[in-house]
Amino acid sequence: MEQELLKLAVQYGGGTAILIALYFVLKQITTIAKNGDLNKKIQEIEENHLTEINDRLTKLEEDVANIRERVAKLEVKVFNSKKRK
């Protein structure tokens, strides 16, 4: 059946090729979902990747707070130097 679909894709091209590609993608998704691999992959992403992203965001927030503090100090120095003149 897959060979027949590929022949149709070559013969008609365009939209038919897109529909056939969509068929193959959906077929793979259903296979993964049936095997339970999808749930394992989602759980792995939640446990590992989301934790890593959260850690990076926390570090980024700390860096931004540090930069804000440094900019505030610079603003005070510039303001004070302008007052003296």
N, C-alpha and C. Protein backbone atom coordinates (compact mmCIF):
# COMPACT_ATOMS: atom_id res chain seq x y z
N MET A 1 0.82 -1.19 0.00
CA MET A 1 0.00 0.00 0.00
C MET A 1 0.87 1.26 0.00
N GLU A 2 1.95 1.21 0.76
CA GLU A 2 2.82 2.38 0.84
C GLU A 2 3.46 2.68 -0.51
N GLN A 3 3.81 1.63 -1.25
CA GLN A 3 4.40 1.84 -2.57
C GLN A 3 3.39 2.47 -3.52
N GLU A 4 2.13 2.06 -3.42
CA GLU A 4 1.08 2.65 -4.26
C GLU A 4 0.91 4.13 -3.95
N LEU A 5 0.97 4.47 -2.66
CA LEU A 5 0.85 5.87 -2.27
C LEU A 5 2.03 6.69 -2.81
N LEU A 6 3.22 6.10 -2.75
CA LEU A 6 4.39 6.82 -3.28
C LEU A 6 4.27 7.01 -4.79
N LYS A 7 3.76 6.00 -5.49
CA LYS A 7 3.56 6.14 -6.95
C LYS A 7 2.56 7.25 -7.26
N LEU A 8 1.48 7.34 -6.47
CA LEU A 8 0.50 8.41 -6.66
C LEU A 8 1.13 9.78 -6.40
N ALA A 9 1.98 9.84 -5.40
CA ALA A 9 2.64 11.11 -5.07
C ALA A 9 3.50 11.57 -6.23
N VAL A 10 4.23 10.64 -6.81
CA VAL A 10 5.09 10.98 -7.94
C VAL A 10 4.24 11.35 -9.15
N GLN A 11 3.17 10.64 -9.35
CA GLN A 11 2.33 10.86 -10.53
C GLN A 11 1.60 12.19 -10.46
N TYR A 12 1.01 12.52 -9.31
CA TYR A 12 0.20 13.73 -9.22
C TYR A 12 0.93 14.90 -8.58
N GLY A 13 1.90 14.62 -7.72
CA GLY A 13 2.69 15.68 -7.09
C GLY A 13 1.85 16.61 -6.24
N GLY A 14 2.40 17.79 -5.92
CA GLY A 14 1.69 18.84 -5.21
C GLY A 14 1.01 18.41 -3.93
N GLY A 15 -0.29 18.65 -3.87
CA GLY A 15 -1.09 18.38 -2.68
C GLY A 15 -1.12 16.91 -2.31
N THR A 16 -1.06 16.05 -3.30
CA THR A 16 -1.09 14.62 -3.02
C THR A 16 0.14 14.22 -2.21
N ALA A 17 1.28 14.78 -2.57
CA ALA A 17 2.51 14.46 -1.85
C ALA A 17 2.41 14.89 -0.39
N ILE A 18 1.80 16.03 -0.15
CA ILE A 18 1.62 16.52 1.22
C ILE A 18 0.71 15.59 2.00
N LEU A 19 -0.37 15.16 1.38
CA LEU A 19 -1.29 14.24 2.06
C LEU A 19 -0.62 12.91 2.39
N ILE A 20 0.20 12.44 1.48
CA ILE A 20 0.88 11.16 1.72
C ILE A 20 1.92 11.32 2.83
N ALA A 21 2.63 12.44 2.83
CA ALA A 21 3.60 12.69 3.91
C ALA A 21 2.88 12.75 5.25
N LEU A 22 1.73 13.40 5.27
CA LEU A 22 0.92 13.49 6.49
C LEU A 22 0.50 12.09 6.95
N TYR A 23 0.14 11.23 6.00
CA TYR A 23 -0.23 9.85 6.32
C TYR A 23 0.91 9.14 7.05
N PHE A 24 2.13 9.26 6.52
CA PHE A 24 3.26 8.59 7.13
C PHE A 24 3.57 9.14 8.52
N VAL A 25 3.45 10.44 8.70
CA VAL A 25 3.69 11.05 10.00
C VAL A 25 2.67 10.56 11.02
N LEU A 26 1.41 10.57 10.63
CA LEU A 26 0.36 10.10 11.54
C LEU A 26 0.52 8.63 11.87
N LYS A 27 0.96 7.86 10.90
CA LYS A 27 1.18 6.43 11.12
C LYS A 27 2.27 6.23 12.17
N GLN A 28 3.35 7.00 12.10
CA GLN A 28 4.42 6.88 13.08
C GLN A 28 3.96 7.33 14.46
N ILE A 29 3.17 8.40 14.52
CA ILE A 29 2.67 8.89 15.80
C ILE A 29 1.80 7.85 16.48
N THR A 30 0.91 7.23 15.72
CA THR A 30 0.05 6.20 16.32
C THR A 30 0.86 5.00 16.79
N THR A 31 1.91 4.64 16.05
CA THR A 31 2.77 3.53 16.46
C THR A 31 3.46 3.86 17.78
N ILE A 32 3.99 5.07 17.89
CA ILE A 32 4.66 5.48 19.12
C ILE A 32 3.67 5.52 20.28
N ALA A 33 2.50 6.06 20.05
CA ALA A 33 1.49 6.17 21.10
C ALA A 33 1.05 4.79 21.59
N LYS A 34 0.94 3.84 20.68
CA LYS A 34 0.52 2.49 21.07
C LYS A 34 1.59 1.80 21.91
N ASN A 35 2.83 2.06 21.62
CA ASN A 35 3.93 1.41 22.35
C ASN A 35 4.15 2.01 23.72
N GLY A 36 3.58 3.15 23.99
CA GLY A 36 3.78 3.80 25.27
C GLY A 36 5.06 4.61 25.33
N ASP A 37 5.82 4.64 24.25
CA ASP A 37 7.06 5.41 24.21
C ASP A 37 6.80 6.90 24.34
N LEU A 38 5.66 7.33 23.87
CA LEU A 38 5.32 8.75 23.91
C LEU A 38 5.20 9.22 25.35
N ASN A 39 4.53 8.45 26.19
CA ASN A 39 4.40 8.82 27.60
C ASN A 39 5.76 8.86 28.29
N LYS A 40 6.62 7.90 27.97
CA LYS A 40 7.95 7.88 28.56
C LYS A 40 8.75 9.11 28.14
N LYS A 41 8.64 9.46 26.87
CA LYS A 41 9.37 10.61 26.35
C LYS A 41 8.87 11.90 27.00
N ILE A 42 7.57 12.03 27.14
CA ILE A 42 7.00 13.23 27.78
C ILE A 42 7.46 13.32 29.23
N GLN A 43 7.46 12.21 29.93
CA GLN A 43 7.90 12.19 31.32
C GLN A 43 9.38 12.55 31.42
N GLU A 44 10.19 12.04 30.49
CA GLU A 44 11.61 12.36 30.47
C GLU A 44 11.84 13.86 30.25
N ILE A 45 11.07 14.43 29.35
CA ILE A 45 11.18 15.87 29.08
C ILE A 45 10.78 16.66 30.31
N GLU A 46 9.69 16.26 30.96
CA GLU A 46 9.24 16.97 32.16
C GLU A 46 10.28 16.90 33.27
N GLU A 47 10.86 15.73 33.46
CA GLU A 47 11.80 15.54 34.57
C GLU A 47 13.15 16.19 34.31
N ASN A 48 13.69 16.01 33.13
CA ASN A 48 15.05 16.46 32.86
C ASN A 48 15.11 17.84 32.24
N HIS A 49 14.47 17.99 31.12
CA HIS A 49 14.61 19.22 30.36
C HIS A 49 13.95 20.41 31.03
N LEU A 50 12.78 20.22 31.59
CA LEU A 50 12.10 21.33 32.24
C LEU A 50 12.84 21.77 33.50
N THR A 51 13.43 20.83 34.20
CA THR A 51 14.23 21.17 35.38
C THR A 51 15.45 21.99 34.96
N GLU A 52 16.09 21.57 33.89
CA GLU A 52 17.26 22.30 33.38
C GLU A 52 16.88 23.70 32.93
N ILE A 53 15.76 23.82 32.24
CA ILE A 53 15.30 25.14 31.80
C ILE A 53 14.99 26.02 33.00
N ASN A 54 14.35 25.47 34.01
CA ASN A 54 14.03 26.23 35.22
C ASN A 54 15.31 26.72 35.91
N ASP A 55 16.32 25.86 35.98
CA ASP A 55 17.60 26.24 36.59
C ASP A 55 18.25 27.38 35.80
N ARG A 56 18.21 27.29 34.49
CA ARG A 56 18.80 28.34 33.65
C ARG A 56 18.05 29.66 33.81
N LEU A 57 16.73 29.58 33.92
CA LEU A 57 15.94 30.80 34.12
C LEU A 57 16.26 31.45 35.46
N THR A 58 16.43 30.64 36.48
CA THR A 58 16.79 31.17 37.79
C THR A 58 18.14 31.87 37.72
N LYS A 59 19.10 31.26 37.06
CA LYS A 59 20.43 31.87 36.90
C LYS A 59 20.32 33.18 36.11
N LEU A 60 19.52 33.17 35.07
CA LEU A 60 19.33 34.36 34.26
C LEU A 60 18.69 35.49 35.07
N GLU A 61 17.72 35.16 35.91
CA GLU A 61 17.10 36.17 36.77
C GLU A 61 18.11 36.78 37.73
N GLU A 62 19.00 35.94 38.25
CA GLU A 62 20.05 36.44 39.15
C GLU A 62 21.00 37.38 38.40
N ASP A 63 21.35 36.99 37.17
CA ASP A 63 22.23 37.84 36.36
C ASP A 63 21.59 39.19 36.05
N VAL A 64 20.31 39.17 35.72
CA VAL A 64 19.60 40.42 35.40
C VAL A 64 19.53 41.31 36.65
N ALA A 65 19.28 40.72 37.80
CA ALA A 65 19.24 41.51 39.04
C ALA A 65 20.60 42.13 39.31
N ASN A 66 21.67 41.39 39.06
CA ASN A 66 23.02 41.91 39.24
C ASN A 66 23.30 43.07 38.28
N ILE A 67 22.88 42.91 37.05
CA ILE A 67 23.07 43.98 36.05
C ILE A 67 22.28 45.23 36.44
N ARG A 68 21.06 45.05 36.91
CA ARG A 68 20.25 46.20 37.34
C ARG A 68 20.93 46.95 38.48
N GLU A 69 21.49 46.21 39.41
CA GLU A 69 22.18 46.83 40.55
C GLU A 69 23.39 47.62 40.07
N ARG A 70 24.15 47.05 39.17
CA ARG A 70 25.33 47.73 38.65
C ARG A 70 24.96 48.99 37.86
N VAL A 71 23.90 48.90 37.06
CA VAL A 71 23.44 50.07 36.30
C VAL A 71 22.97 51.17 37.25
N ALA A 72 22.27 50.79 38.31
CA ALA A 72 21.80 51.78 39.28
C ALA A 72 22.99 52.50 39.92
N LYS A 73 24.05 51.77 40.26
CA LYS A 73 25.24 52.38 40.83
C LYS A 73 25.88 53.35 39.84
N LEU A 74 25.94 52.95 38.58
CA LEU A 74 26.50 53.83 37.55
C LEU A 74 25.67 55.10 37.38
N GLU A 75 24.36 54.95 37.43
CA GLU A 75 23.48 56.12 37.31
C GLU A 75 23.73 57.10 38.46
N VAL A 76 23.92 56.57 39.66
CA VAL A 76 24.19 57.44 40.82
C VAL A 76 25.51 58.17 40.61
N LYS A 77 26.53 57.49 40.14
CA LYS A 77 27.83 58.12 39.90
C LYS A 77 27.72 59.21 38.84
N VAL A 78 27.01 58.93 37.76
CA VAL A 78 26.85 59.92 36.69
C VAL A 78 26.06 61.11 37.20
N PHE A 79 25.00 60.87 37.94
CA PHE A 79 24.18 61.97 38.47
C PHE A 79 24.99 62.83 39.42
N ASN A 80 25.77 62.19 40.29
CA ASN A 80 26.58 62.95 41.25
C ASN A 80 27.68 63.75 40.55
N SER A 81 28.26 63.21 39.49
CA SER A 81 29.30 63.94 38.77
C SER A 81 28.71 65.14 38.02
N LYS A 82 27.47 65.05 37.58
CA LYS A 82 26.81 66.17 36.91
C LYS A 82 26.48 67.27 37.92
N LYS A 83 26.11 66.89 39.13
CA LYS A 83 25.76 67.86 40.18
C LYS A 83 26.99 68.70 40.56
N ARG A 84 28.15 68.09 40.58
CA ARG A 84 29.36 68.77 40.99
C ARG A 84 29.77 69.84 39.98
N LYS A 85 29.45 69.66 38.76
CA LYS A 85 29.85 70.61 37.71
C LYS A 85 28.96 71.79 37.71
